[in-house]
Amino acid sequence: MRRKFAVLAAILVVLGIVVVVVAAFAGVAQTDPAAGKVESVMCATCHGADGMSAATDVPNLAGQHYEYLMEQLIAFKEGTRRNGVMNEMVRPMSLAQLRNVAAYYSTVPVTVGTSNARQ
């Protein structure tokens, strides 16, 4: 009886781990880069239409890692990273919108020496 209980407990632990791992990746899997492109229209004002900024003091977003972009967007939203414009831009955005924007910019290829914003 104890052996059956131990096996059952081990199976439940493994299933619990699987559920946690699947949940962790679910946010990435449920992103919509196409929606992110639409939601990033205001971002283009500073960061360029293709995520490649024409200004040297504005970061390029194209080709950045999804996780990095999410970390920064959440920091701006929570106010732990301060920038008056960015804090105000992302504050009203939902987590789903932030995921979509991060997914979009992470899929944009990096271009060197050109930007759609300059054309």
PDB file of N, CA and C in Angstrom:
ATOM      1  N   MET A   1       0.822  -1.192   0.000  1.00  0.00           N
ATOM      2  CA  MET A   1       0.000   0.000   0.000  1.00  0.00           C
ATOM      3  C   MET A   1       0.868   1.259   0.000  1.00  0.00           C
ATOM      4  N   ARG A   2       1.907   1.267   0.825  1.00  0.00           N
ATOM      5  CA  ARG A   2       2.798   2.424   0.878  1.00  0.00           C
ATOM      6  C   ARG A   2       3.511   2.621  -0.453  1.00  0.00           C
ATOM      7  N   ARG A   3       3.886   1.520  -1.063  1.00  0.00           N
ATOM      8  CA  ARG A   3       4.586   1.607  -2.345  1.00  0.00           C
ATOM      9  C   ARG A   3       3.688   2.237  -3.414  1.00  0.00           C
ATOM     10  N   LYS A   4       2.413   1.814  -3.453  1.00  0.00           N
ATOM     11  CA  LYS A   4       1.468   2.393  -4.401  1.00  0.00           C
ATOM     12  C   LYS A   4       1.274   3.879  -4.138  1.00  0.00           C
ATOM     13  N   PHE A   5       1.207   4.243  -2.867  1.00  0.00           N
ATOM     14  CA  PHE A   5       1.062   5.649  -2.506  1.00  0.00           C
ATOM     15  C   PHE A   5       2.291   6.442  -2.942  1.00  0.00           C
ATOM     16  N   ALA A   6       3.479   5.901  -2.745  1.00  0.00           N
ATOM     17  CA  ALA A   6       4.713   6.581  -3.136  1.00  0.00           C
ATOM     18  C   ALA A   6       4.784   6.763  -4.655  1.00  0.00           C
ATOM     19  N   VAL A   7       4.378   5.745  -5.395  1.00  0.00           N
ATOM     20  CA  VAL A   7       4.369   5.844  -6.857  1.00  0.00           C
ATOM     21  C   VAL A   7       3.359   6.901  -7.299  1.00  0.00           C
ATOM     22  N   LEU A   8       2.182   6.873  -6.712  1.00  0.00           N
ATOM     23  CA  LEU A   8       1.157   7.859  -7.045  1.00  0.00           C
ATOM     24  C   LEU A   8       1.637   9.273  -6.719  1.00  0.00           C
ATOM     25  N   ALA A   9       2.266   9.447  -5.579  1.00  0.00           N
ATOM     26  CA  ALA A   9       2.789  10.754  -5.178  1.00  0.00           C
ATOM     27  C   ALA A   9       3.859  11.225  -6.163  1.00  0.00           C
ATOM     28  N   ALA A  10       4.732  10.325  -6.592  1.00  0.00           N
ATOM     29  CA  ALA A  10       5.777  10.675  -7.552  1.00  0.00           C
ATOM     30  C   ALA A  10       5.170  11.092  -8.890  1.00  0.00           C
ATOM     31  N   ILE A  11       4.148  10.379  -9.319  1.00  0.00           N
ATOM     32  CA  ILE A  11       3.470  10.722 -10.571  1.00  0.00           C
ATOM     33  C   ILE A  11       2.832  12.104 -10.473  1.00  0.00           C
ATOM     34  N   LEU A  12       2.213  12.385  -9.344  1.00  0.00           N
ATOM     35  CA  LEU A  12       1.594  13.696  -9.147  1.00  0.00           C
ATOM     36  C   LEU A  12       2.623  14.818  -9.146  1.00  0.00           C
ATOM     37  N   VAL A  13       3.781  14.587  -8.562  1.00  0.00           N
ATOM     38  CA  VAL A  13       4.854  15.585  -8.552  1.00  0.00           C
ATOM     39  C   VAL A  13       5.316  15.861  -9.981  1.00  0.00           C
ATOM     40  N   VAL A  14       5.536  14.786 -10.747  1.00  0.00           N
ATOM     41  CA  VAL A  14       5.973  14.949 -12.131  1.00  0.00           C
ATOM     42  C   VAL A  14       4.917  15.698 -12.943  1.00  0.00           C
ATOM     43  N   LEU A  15       3.656  15.342 -12.772  1.00  0.00           N
ATOM     44  CA  LEU A  15       2.588  16.042 -13.476  1.00  0.00           C
ATOM     45  C   LEU A  15       2.533  17.517 -13.084  1.00  0.00           C
ATOM     46  N   GLY A  16       2.764  17.789 -11.816  1.00  0.00           N
ATOM     47  CA  GLY A  16       2.798  19.172 -11.352  1.00  0.00           C
ATOM     48  C   GLY A  16       3.910  19.956 -12.018  1.00  0.00           C
ATOM     49  N   ILE A  17       5.061  19.346 -12.158  1.00  0.00           N
ATOM     50  CA  ILE A  17       6.189  20.002 -12.823  1.00  0.00           C
ATOM     51  C   ILE A  17       5.852  20.257 -14.285  1.00  0.00           C
ATOM     52  N   VAL A  18       5.248  19.296 -14.935  1.00  0.00           N
ATOM     53  CA  VAL A  18       4.856  19.450 -16.343  1.00  0.00           C
ATOM     54  C   VAL A  18       3.878  20.615 -16.490  1.00  0.00           C
ATOM     55  N   VAL A  19       2.915  20.708 -15.601  1.00  0.00           N
ATOM     56  CA  VAL A  19       1.930  21.790 -15.656  1.00  0.00           C
ATOM     57  C   VAL A  19       2.619  23.138 -15.496  1.00  0.00           C
ATOM     58  N   VAL A  20       3.565  23.257 -14.581  1.00  0.00           N
ATOM     59  CA  VAL A  20       4.284  24.512 -14.364  1.00  0.00           C
ATOM     60  C   VAL A  20       5.085  24.895 -15.606  1.00  0.00           C
ATOM     61  N   VAL A  21       5.772  23.945 -16.198  1.00  0.00           N
ATOM     62  CA  VAL A  21       6.582  24.221 -17.392  1.00  0.00           C
ATOM     63  C   VAL A  21       5.680  24.644 -18.550  1.00  0.00           C
ATOM     64  N   VAL A  22       4.592  23.940 -18.761  1.00  0.00           N
ATOM     65  CA  VAL A  22       3.668  24.292 -19.842  1.00  0.00           C
ATOM     66  C   VAL A  22       3.087  25.685 -19.608  1.00  0.00           C
ATOM     67  N   ALA A  23       2.722  25.993 -18.383  1.00  0.00           N
ATOM     68  CA  ALA A  23       2.171  27.313 -18.063  1.00  0.00           C
ATOM     69  C   ALA A  23       3.199  28.409 -18.304  1.00  0.00           C
ATOM     70  N   ALA A  24       4.458  28.128 -18.007  1.00  0.00           N
ATOM     71  CA  ALA A  24       5.515  29.124 -18.204  1.00  0.00           C
ATOM     72  C   ALA A  24       5.672  29.472 -19.675  1.00  0.00           C
ATOM     73  N   PHE A  25       5.524  28.477 -20.542  1.00  0.00           N
ATOM     74  CA  PHE A  25       5.679  28.717 -21.966  1.00  0.00           C
ATOM     75  C   PHE A  25       4.380  29.133 -22.642  1.00  0.00           C
ATOM     76  N   ALA A  26       3.285  29.038 -21.961  1.00  0.00           N
ATOM     77  CA  ALA A  26       1.990  29.374 -22.561  1.00  0.00           C
ATOM     78  C   ALA A  26       1.917  30.834 -22.954  1.00  0.00           C
ATOM     79  N   GLY A  27       2.494  31.726 -22.147  1.00  0.00           N
ATOM     80  CA  GLY A  27       2.471  33.149 -22.472  1.00  0.00           C
ATOM     81  C   GLY A  27       3.174  33.451 -23.776  1.00  0.00           C
ATOM     82  N   VAL A  28       4.288  32.794 -24.034  1.00  0.00           N
ATOM     83  CA  VAL A  28       5.023  32.995 -25.265  1.00  0.00           C
ATOM     84  C   VAL A  28       4.238  32.405 -26.427  1.00  0.00           C
ATOM     85  N   ALA A  29       3.656  31.238 -26.224  1.00  0.00           N
ATOM     86  CA  ALA A  29       2.933  30.561 -27.290  1.00  0.00           C
ATOM     87  C   ALA A  29       1.666  31.318 -27.675  1.00  0.00           C
ATOM     88  N   GLN A  30       1.113  32.120 -26.799  1.00  0.00           N
ATOM     89  CA  GLN A  30      -0.132  32.808 -27.067  1.00  0.00           C
ATOM     90  C   GLN A  30       0.076  34.241 -27.540  1.00  0.00           C
ATOM     91  N   THR A  31       1.234  34.534 -28.043  1.00  0.00           N
ATOM     92  CA  THR A  31       1.476  35.878 -28.548  1.00  0.00           C
ATOM     93  C   THR A  31       0.994  35.979 -29.985  1.00  0.00           C
ATOM     94  N   ASP A  32       0.747  37.197 -30.413  1.00  0.00           N
ATOM     95  CA  ASP A  32       0.290  37.457 -31.774  1.00  0.00           C
ATOM     96  C   ASP A  32       1.118  38.603 -32.350  1.00  0.00           C
ATOM     97  N   PRO A  33       2.210  38.273 -33.046  1.00  0.00           N
ATOM     98  CA  PRO A  33       3.060  39.323 -33.620  1.00  0.00           C
ATOM     99  C   PRO A  33       2.303  40.262 -34.563  1.00  0.00           C
ATOM    100  N   ALA A  34       1.326  39.744 -35.308  1.00  0.00           N
ATOM    101  CA  ALA A  34       0.551  40.603 -36.219  1.00  0.00           C
ATOM    102  C   ALA A  34      -0.238  41.651 -35.427  1.00  0.00           C
ATOM    103  N   ALA A  35      -0.839  41.227 -34.322  1.00  0.00           N
ATOM    104  CA  ALA A  35      -1.540  42.181 -33.455  1.00  0.00           C
ATOM    105  C   ALA A  35      -0.543  43.138 -32.827  1.00  0.00           C
ATOM    106  N   GLY A  36       0.638  42.632 -32.485  1.00  0.00           N
ATOM    107  CA  GLY A  36       1.681  43.480 -31.917  1.00  0.00           C
ATOM    108  C   GLY A  36       2.123  44.573 -32.875  1.00  0.00           C
ATOM    109  N   LYS A  37       2.157  44.252 -34.159  1.00  0.00           N
ATOM    110  CA  LYS A  37       2.525  45.266 -35.160  1.00  0.00           C
ATOM    111  C   LYS A  37       1.504  46.398 -35.151  1.00  0.00           C
ATOM    112  N   VAL A  38       0.227  46.051 -35.070  1.00  0.00           N
ATOM    113  CA  VAL A  38      -0.835  47.057 -35.011  1.00  0.00           C
ATOM    114  C   VAL A  38      -0.724  47.856 -33.715  1.00  0.00           C
ATOM    115  N   GLU A  39      -0.502  47.154 -32.600  1.00  0.00           N
ATOM    116  CA  GLU A  39      -0.443  47.810 -31.291  1.00  0.00           C
ATOM    117  C   GLU A  39       0.812  48.672 -31.127  1.00  0.00           C
ATOM    118  N   SER A  40       1.816  48.460 -31.975  1.00  0.00           N
ATOM    119  CA  SER A  40       3.078  49.199 -31.843  1.00  0.00           C
ATOM    120  C   SER A  40       3.131  50.463 -32.693  1.00  0.00           C
ATOM    121  N   VAL A  41       2.003  50.867 -33.263  1.00  0.00           N
ATOM    122  CA  VAL A  41       1.977  52.051 -34.130  1.00  0.00           C
ATOM    123  C   VAL A  41       2.552  53.269 -33.409  1.00  0.00           C
ATOM    124  N   MET A  42       2.175  53.466 -32.164  1.00  0.00           N
ATOM    125  CA  MET A  42       2.688  54.620 -31.416  1.00  0.00           C
ATOM    126  C   MET A  42       4.186  54.498 -31.125  1.00  0.00           C
ATOM    127  N   CYS A  43       4.671  53.276 -31.014  1.00  0.00           N
ATOM    128  CA  CYS A  43       6.096  53.050 -30.755  1.00  0.00           C
ATOM    129  C   CYS A  43       6.947  53.571 -31.907  1.00  0.00           C
ATOM    130  N   ALA A  44       6.387  53.476 -33.124  1.00  0.00           N
ATOM    131  CA  ALA A  44       7.122  53.855 -34.330  1.00  0.00           C
ATOM    132  C   ALA A  44       7.514  55.329 -34.321  1.00  0.00           C
ATOM    133  N   THR A  45       6.786  56.146 -33.597  1.00  0.00           N
ATOM    134  CA  THR A  45       7.095  57.569 -33.531  1.00  0.00           C
ATOM    135  C   THR A  45       8.539  57.792 -33.097  1.00  0.00           C
ATOM    136  N   CYS A  46       8.989  57.047 -32.116  1.00  0.00           N
ATOM    137  CA  CYS A  46      10.361  57.196 -31.614  1.00  0.00           C
ATOM    138  C   CYS A  46      11.292  56.073 -32.069  1.00  0.00           C
ATOM    139  N   HIS A  47      10.762  54.850 -32.106  1.00  0.00           N
ATOM    140  CA  HIS A  47      11.600  53.677 -32.366  1.00  0.00           C
ATOM    141  C   HIS A  47      11.681  53.298 -33.841  1.00  0.00           C
ATOM    142  N   GLY A  48      10.987  54.032 -34.709  1.00  0.00           N
ATOM    143  CA  GLY A  48      11.011  53.761 -36.136  1.00  0.00           C
ATOM    144  C   GLY A  48       9.957  52.734 -36.528  1.00  0.00           C
ATOM    145  N   ALA A  49       9.474  52.841 -37.768  1.00  0.00           N
ATOM    146  CA  ALA A  49       8.409  51.964 -38.251  1.00  0.00           C
ATOM    147  C   ALA A  49       8.818  50.504 -38.235  1.00  0.00           C
ATOM    148  N   ASP A  50      10.103  50.254 -38.372  1.00  0.00           N
ATOM    149  CA  ASP A  50      10.599  48.878 -38.407  1.00  0.00           C
ATOM    150  C   ASP A  50      11.364  48.510 -37.138  1.00  0.00           C
ATOM    151  N   GLY A  51      11.244  49.361 -36.102  1.00  0.00           N
ATOM    152  CA  GLY A  51      11.950  49.091 -34.850  1.00  0.00           C
ATOM    153  C   GLY A  51      13.403  49.516 -34.868  1.00  0.00           C
ATOM    154  N   MET A  52      13.826  50.174 -35.937  1.00  0.00           N
ATOM    155  CA  MET A  52      15.196  50.678 -36.043  1.00  0.00           C
ATOM    156  C   MET A  52      15.131  52.192 -35.939  1.00  0.00           C
ATOM    157  N   SER A  53      15.528  52.700 -34.802  1.00  0.00           N
ATOM    158  CA  SER A  53      15.418  54.117 -34.514  1.00  0.00           C
ATOM    159  C   SER A  53      16.399  54.941 -35.338  1.00  0.00           C
ATOM    160  N   ALA A  54      15.935  56.100 -35.781  1.00  0.00           N
ATOM    161  CA  ALA A  54      16.813  57.037 -36.486  1.00  0.00           C
ATOM    162  C   ALA A  54      17.618  57.864 -35.487  1.00  0.00           C
ATOM    163  N   ALA A  55      17.139  57.963 -34.253  1.00  0.00           N
ATOM    164  CA  ALA A  55      17.814  58.755 -33.218  1.00  0.00           C
ATOM    165  C   ALA A  55      18.802  57.887 -32.445  1.00  0.00           C
ATOM    166  N   THR A  56      19.962  58.445 -32.166  1.00  0.00           N
ATOM    167  CA  THR A  56      20.981  57.672 -31.457  1.00  0.00           C
ATOM    168  C   THR A  56      20.658  57.456 -29.986  1.00  0.00           C
ATOM    169  N   ASP A  57      19.753  58.251 -29.426  1.00  0.00           N
ATOM    170  CA  ASP A  57      19.414  58.101 -28.010  1.00  0.00           C
ATOM    171  C   ASP A  57      18.137  57.294 -27.778  1.00  0.00           C
ATOM    172  N   VAL A  58      17.598  56.705 -28.833  1.00  0.00           N
ATOM    173  CA  VAL A  58      16.400  55.871 -28.724  1.00  0.00           C
ATOM    174  C   VAL A  58      16.778  54.453 -29.135  1.00  0.00           C
ATOM    175  N   PRO A  59      16.534  53.476 -28.276  1.00  0.00           N
ATOM    176  CA  PRO A  59      16.953  52.098 -28.571  1.00  0.00           C
ATOM    177  C   PRO A  59      16.250  51.492 -29.782  1.00  0.00           C
ATOM    178  N   ASN A  60      17.000  50.661 -30.493  1.00  0.00           N
ATOM    179  CA  ASN A  60      16.416  49.838 -31.550  1.00  0.00           C
ATOM    180  C   ASN A  60      15.697  48.671 -30.891  1.00  0.00           C
ATOM    181  N   LEU A  61      14.527  48.331 -31.405  1.00  0.00           N
ATOM    182  CA  LEU A  61      13.749  47.228 -30.854  1.00  0.00           C
ATOM    183  C   LEU A  61      13.764  46.004 -31.763  1.00  0.00           C
ATOM    184  N   ALA A  62      13.997  46.206 -33.032  1.00  0.00           N
ATOM    185  CA  ALA A  62      13.979  45.108 -34.000  1.00  0.00           C
ATOM    186  C   ALA A  62      14.994  44.038 -33.612  1.00  0.00           C
ATOM    187  N   GLY A  63      14.533  42.795 -33.639  1.00  0.00           N
ATOM    188  CA  GLY A  63      15.429  41.671 -33.405  1.00  0.00           C
ATOM    189  C   GLY A  63      15.833  41.431 -31.959  1.00  0.00           C
ATOM    190  N   GLN A  64      15.314  42.234 -31.034  1.00  0.00           N
ATOM    191  CA  GLN A  64      15.636  41.999 -29.621  1.00  0.00           C
ATOM    192  C   GLN A  64      14.943  40.712 -29.172  1.00  0.00           C
ATOM    193  N   HIS A  65      15.495  40.092 -28.157  1.00  0.00           N
ATOM    194  CA  HIS A  65      14.903  38.870 -27.621  1.00  0.00           C
ATOM    195  C   HIS A  65      13.566  39.188 -26.954  1.00  0.00           C
ATOM    196  N   TYR A  66      12.596  38.312 -27.171  1.00  0.00           N
ATOM    197  CA  TYR A  66      11.257  38.470 -26.589  1.00  0.00           C
ATOM    198  C   TYR A  66      11.338  38.670 -25.077  1.00  0.00           C
ATOM    199  N   GLU A  67      12.101  37.823 -24.400  1.00  0.00           N
ATOM    200  CA  GLU A  67      12.181  37.887 -22.939  1.00  0.00           C
ATOM    201  C   GLU A  67      12.737  39.228 -22.472  1.00  0.00           C
ATOM    202  N   TYR A  68      13.751  39.734 -23.180  1.00  0.00           N
ATOM    203  CA  TYR A  68      14.338  41.022 -22.828  1.00  0.00           C
ATOM    204  C   TYR A  68      13.310  42.137 -22.997  1.00  0.00           C
ATOM    205  N   LEU A  69      12.615  42.128 -24.128  1.00  0.00           N
ATOM    206  CA  LEU A  69      11.611  43.162 -24.367  1.00  0.00           C
ATOM    207  C   LEU A  69      10.518  43.120 -23.308  1.00  0.00           C
ATOM    208  N   MET A  70      10.057  41.924 -22.955  1.00  0.00           N
ATOM    209  CA  MET A  70       9.024  41.805 -21.929  1.00  0.00           C
ATOM    210  C   MET A  70       9.519  42.330 -20.584  1.00  0.00           C
ATOM    211  N   GLU A  71      10.739  41.993 -20.242  1.00  0.00           N
ATOM    212  CA  GLU A  71      11.311  42.468 -18.975  1.00  0.00           C
ATOM    213  C   GLU A  71      11.306  43.996 -18.923  1.00  0.00           C
ATOM    214  N   GLN A  72      11.709  44.629 -20.017  1.00  0.00           N
ATOM    215  CA  GLN A  72      11.769  46.091 -20.054  1.00  0.00           C
ATOM    216  C   GLN A  72      10.368  46.705 -20.051  1.00  0.00           C
ATOM    217  N   LEU A  73       9.462  46.145 -20.838  1.00  0.00           N
ATOM    218  CA  LEU A  73       8.103  46.682 -20.888  1.00  0.00           C
ATOM    219  C   LEU A  73       7.406  46.577 -19.535  1.00  0.00           C
ATOM    220  N   ILE A  74       7.586  45.458 -18.873  1.00  0.00           N
ATOM    221  CA  ILE A  74       6.975  45.290 -17.551  1.00  0.00           C
ATOM    222  C   ILE A  74       7.600  46.252 -16.547  1.00  0.00           C
ATOM    223  N   ALA A  75       8.900  46.451 -16.638  1.00  0.00           N
ATOM    224  CA  ALA A  75       9.570  47.402 -15.738  1.00  0.00           C
ATOM    225  C   ALA A  75       9.038  48.820 -15.954  1.00  0.00           C
ATOM    226  N   PHE A  76       8.822  49.209 -17.203  1.00  0.00           N
ATOM    227  CA  PHE A  76       8.229  50.527 -17.479  1.00  0.00           C
ATOM    228  C   PHE A  76       6.804  50.584 -16.945  1.00  0.00           C
ATOM    229  N   LYS A  77       6.042  49.537 -17.171  1.00  0.00           N
ATOM    230  CA  LYS A  77       4.637  49.513 -16.719  1.00  0.00           C
ATOM    231  C   LYS A  77       4.542  49.613 -15.197  1.00  0.00           C
ATOM    232  N   GLU A  78       5.409  48.897 -14.496  1.00  0.00           N
ATOM    233  CA  GLU A  78       5.393  48.893 -13.027  1.00  0.00           C
ATOM    234  C   GLU A  78       6.092  50.108 -12.432  1.00  0.00           C
ATOM    235  N   GLY A  79       6.827  50.850 -13.258  1.00  0.00           N
ATOM    236  CA  GLY A  79       7.531  52.034 -12.775  1.00  0.00           C
ATOM    237  C   GLY A  79       8.879  51.745 -12.157  1.00  0.00           C
ATOM    238  N   THR A  80       9.357  50.499 -12.241  1.00  0.00           N
ATOM    239  CA  THR A  80      10.684  50.184 -11.702  1.00  0.00           C
ATOM    240  C   THR A  80      11.787  50.642 -12.649  1.00  0.00           C
ATOM    241  N   ARG A  81      11.445  50.882 -13.898  1.00  0.00           N
ATOM    242  CA  ARG A  81      12.344  51.540 -14.848  1.00  0.00           C
ATOM    243  C   ARG A  81      11.626  52.816 -15.239  1.00  0.00           C
ATOM    244  N   ARG A  82      12.321  53.927 -15.111  1.00  0.00           N
ATOM    245  CA  ARG A  82      11.664  55.214 -15.298  1.00  0.00           C
ATOM    246  C   ARG A  82      12.086  55.908 -16.597  1.00  0.00           C
ATOM    247  N   ASN A  83      11.068  56.262 -17.337  1.00  0.00           N
ATOM    248  CA  ASN A  83      11.199  57.109 -18.511  1.00  0.00           C
ATOM    249  C   ASN A  83       9.804  57.676 -18.712  1.00  0.00           C
ATOM    250  N   GLY A  84       9.686  58.989 -18.601  1.00  0.00           N
ATOM    251  CA  GLY A  84       8.367  59.615 -18.640  1.00  0.00           C
ATOM    252  C   GLY A  84       7.509  59.180 -19.805  1.00  0.00           C
ATOM    253  N   VAL A  85       8.075  59.130 -20.990  1.00  0.00           N
ATOM    254  CA  VAL A  85       7.303  58.744 -22.175  1.00  0.00           C
ATOM    255  C   VAL A  85       6.937  57.272 -22.116  1.00  0.00           C
ATOM    256  N   MET A  86       7.912  56.419 -21.865  1.00  0.00           N
ATOM    257  CA  MET A  86       7.649  54.976 -21.869  1.00  0.00           C
ATOM    258  C   MET A  86       6.703  54.566 -20.756  1.00  0.00           C
ATOM    259  N   ASN A  87       6.863  55.139 -19.573  1.00  0.00           N
ATOM    260  CA  ASN A  87       5.964  54.794 -18.467  1.00  0.00           C
ATOM    261  C   ASN A  87       4.509  55.104 -18.836  1.00  0.00           C
ATOM    262  N   GLU A  88       4.293  56.240 -19.470  1.00  0.00           N
ATOM    263  CA  GLU A  88       2.939  56.626 -19.856  1.00  0.00           C
ATOM    264  C   GLU A  88       2.419  55.799 -21.024  1.00  0.00           C
ATOM    265  N   MET A  89       3.303  55.411 -21.932  1.00  0.00           N
ATOM    266  CA  MET A  89       2.881  54.638 -23.107  1.00  0.00           C
ATOM    267  C   MET A  89       2.405  53.237 -22.717  1.00  0.00           C
ATOM    268  N   VAL A  90       3.118  52.570 -21.815  1.00  0.00           N
ATOM    269  CA  VAL A  90       2.796  51.174 -21.517  1.00  0.00           C
ATOM    270  C   VAL A  90       1.840  51.001 -20.339  1.00  0.00           C
ATOM    271  N   ARG A  91       1.678  52.035 -19.528  1.00  0.00           N
ATOM    272  CA  ARG A  91       0.809  51.905 -18.349  1.00  0.00           C
ATOM    273  C   ARG A  91      -0.587  51.398 -18.700  1.00  0.00           C
ATOM    274  N   PRO A  92      -1.253  51.929 -19.728  1.00  0.00           N
ATOM    275  CA  PRO A  92      -2.609  51.441 -20.017  1.00  0.00           C
ATOM    276  C   PRO A  92      -2.658  50.114 -20.785  1.00  0.00           C
ATOM    277  N   MET A  93      -1.511  49.614 -21.207  1.00  0.00           N
ATOM    278  CA  MET A  93      -1.501  48.386 -22.013  1.00  0.00           C
ATOM    279  C   MET A  93      -1.663  47.148 -21.139  1.00  0.00           C
ATOM    280  N   SER A  94      -2.393  46.183 -21.646  1.00  0.00           N
ATOM    281  CA  SER A  94      -2.568  44.917 -20.932  1.00  0.00           C
ATOM    282  C   SER A  94      -1.328  44.054 -21.111  1.00  0.00           C
ATOM    283  N   LEU A  95      -1.217  43.021 -20.307  1.00  0.00           N
ATOM    284  CA  LEU A  95      -0.104  42.080 -20.432  1.00  0.00           C
ATOM    285  C   LEU A  95      -0.137  41.409 -21.805  1.00  0.00           C
ATOM    286  N   ALA A  96      -1.315  41.095 -22.298  1.00  0.00           N
ATOM    287  CA  ALA A  96      -1.440  40.485 -23.635  1.00  0.00           C
ATOM    288  C   ALA A  96      -0.924  41.432 -24.711  1.00  0.00           C
ATOM    289  N   GLN A  97      -1.240  42.717 -24.593  1.00  0.00           N
ATOM    290  CA  GLN A  97      -0.744  43.688 -25.569  1.00  0.00           C
ATOM    291  C   GLN A  97       0.776  43.800 -25.512  1.00  0.00           C
ATOM    292  N   LEU A  98       1.323  43.825 -24.298  1.00  0.00           N
ATOM    293  CA  LEU A  98       2.783  43.887 -24.156  1.00  0.00           C
ATOM    294  C   LEU A  98       3.429  42.658 -24.780  1.00  0.00           C
ATOM    295  N   ARG A  99       2.837  41.484 -24.554  1.00  0.00           N
ATOM    296  CA  ARG A  99       3.365  40.253 -25.150  1.00  0.00           C
ATOM    297  C   ARG A  99       3.347  40.338 -26.674  1.00  0.00           C
ATOM    298  N   ASN A 100       2.265  40.861 -27.220  1.00  0.00           N
ATOM    299  CA  ASN A 100       2.159  40.964 -28.671  1.00  0.00           C
ATOM    300  C   ASN A 100       3.197  41.919 -29.247  1.00  0.00           C
ATOM    301  N   VAL A 101       3.376  43.057 -28.597  1.00  0.00           N
ATOM    302  CA  VAL A 101       4.371  44.022 -29.062  1.00  0.00           C
ATOM    303  C   VAL A 101       5.774  43.419 -28.985  1.00  0.00           C
ATOM    304  N   ALA A 102       6.082  42.766 -27.885  1.00  0.00           N
ATOM    305  CA  ALA A 102       7.393  42.118 -27.738  1.00  0.00           C
ATOM    306  C   ALA A 102       7.569  41.021 -28.784  1.00  0.00           C
ATOM    307  N   ALA A 103       6.510  40.273 -29.041  1.00  0.00           N
ATOM    308  CA  ALA A 103       6.584  39.218 -30.058  1.00  0.00           C
ATOM    309  C   ALA A 103       6.823  39.820 -31.434  1.00  0.00           C
ATOM    310  N   TYR A 104       6.150  40.916 -31.723  1.00  0.00           N
ATOM    311  CA  TYR A 104       6.334  41.573 -33.018  1.00  0.00           C
ATOM    312  C   TYR A 104       7.779  42.028 -33.199  1.00  0.00           C
ATOM    313  N   TYR A 105       8.277  42.825 -32.268  1.00  0.00           N
ATOM    314  CA  TYR A 105       9.632  43.360 -32.429  1.00  0.00           C
ATOM    315  C   TYR A 105      10.688  42.258 -32.414  1.00  0.00           C
ATOM    316  N   SER A 106      10.441  41.180 -31.700  1.00  0.00           N
ATOM    317  CA  SER A 106      11.424  40.097 -31.683  1.00  0.00           C
ATOM    318  C   SER A 106      11.480  39.351 -33.015  1.00  0.00           C
ATOM    319  N   THR A 107      10.455  39.512 -33.847  1.00  0.00           N
ATOM    320  CA  THR A 107      10.449  38.846 -35.152  1.00  0.00           C
ATOM    321  C   THR A 107      10.882  39.751 -36.300  1.00  0.00           C
ATOM    322  N   VAL A 108      11.046  41.033 -36.035  1.00  0.00           N
ATOM    323  CA  VAL A 108      11.451  41.966 -37.086  1.00  0.00           C
ATOM    324  C   VAL A 108      12.943  41.792 -37.355  1.00  0.00           C
ATOM    325  N   PRO A 109      13.321  41.566 -38.610  1.00  0.00           N
ATOM    326  CA  PRO A 109      14.738  41.409 -38.905  1.00  0.00           C
ATOM    327  C   PRO A 109      15.493  42.725 -38.713  1.00  0.00           C
ATOM    328  N   VAL A 110      16.705  42.627 -38.254  1.00  0.00           N
ATOM    329  CA  VAL A 110      17.555  43.796 -38.048  1.00  0.00           C
ATOM    330  C   VAL A 110      18.112  44.220 -39.390  1.00  0.00           C
ATOM    331  N   THR A 111      17.994  45.517 -39.654  1.00  0.00           N
ATOM    332  CA  THR A 111      18.578  46.074 -40.874  1.00  0.00           C
ATOM    333  C   THR A 111      19.676  47.046 -40.467  1.00  0.00           C
ATOM    334  N   VAL A 112      20.732  47.076 -41.227  1.00  0.00           N
ATOM    335  CA  VAL A 112      21.854  47.940 -40.912  1.00  0.00           C
ATOM    336  C   VAL A 112      21.943  49.020 -41.978  1.00  0.00           C
ATOM    337  N   GLY A 113      21.971  50.259 -41.510  1.00  0.00           N
ATOM    338  CA  GLY A 113      22.151  51.382 -42.418  1.00  0.00           C
ATOM    339  C   GLY A 113      20.878  51.865 -43.074  1.00  0.00           C
ATOM    340  N   THR A 114      19.754  51.212 -42.837  1.00  0.00           N
ATOM    341  CA  THR A 114      18.504  51.673 -43.417  1.00  0.00           C
ATOM    342  C   THR A 114      17.412  51.597 -42.363  1.00  0.00           C
ATOM    343  N   SER A 115      16.397  52.391 -42.560  1.00  0.00           N
ATOM    344  CA  SER A 115      15.243  52.347 -41.667  1.00  0.00           C
ATOM    345  C   SER A 115      14.034  52.807 -42.450  1.00  0.00           C
ATOM    346  N   ASN A 116      12.917  52.129 -42.266  1.00  0.00           N
ATOM    347  CA  ASN A 116      11.682  52.560 -42.918  1.00  0.00           C
ATOM    348  C   ASN A 116      11.276  53.945 -42.435  1.00  0.00           C
ATOM    349  N   ALA A 117      11.694  54.317 -41.229  1.00  0.00           N
ATOM    350  CA  ALA A 117      11.328  55.608 -40.671  1.00  0.00           C
ATOM    351  C   ALA A 117      12.002  56.750 -41.451  1.00  0.00           C
ATOM    352  N   ARG A 118      13.125  56.490 -42.080  1.00  0.00           N
ATOM    353  CA  ARG A 118      13.862  57.531 -42.803  1.00  0.00           C
ATOM    354  C   ARG A 118      13.438  57.628 -44.259  1.00  0.00           C
ATOM    355  N   GLN A 119      12.683  56.688 -44.754  1.00  0.00           N
ATOM    356  CA  GLN A 119      12.335  56.682 -46.176  1.00  0.00           C
ATOM    357  C   GLN A 119      11.145  57.541 -46.452  1.00  0.00           C
TER     358      GLN A 119
END
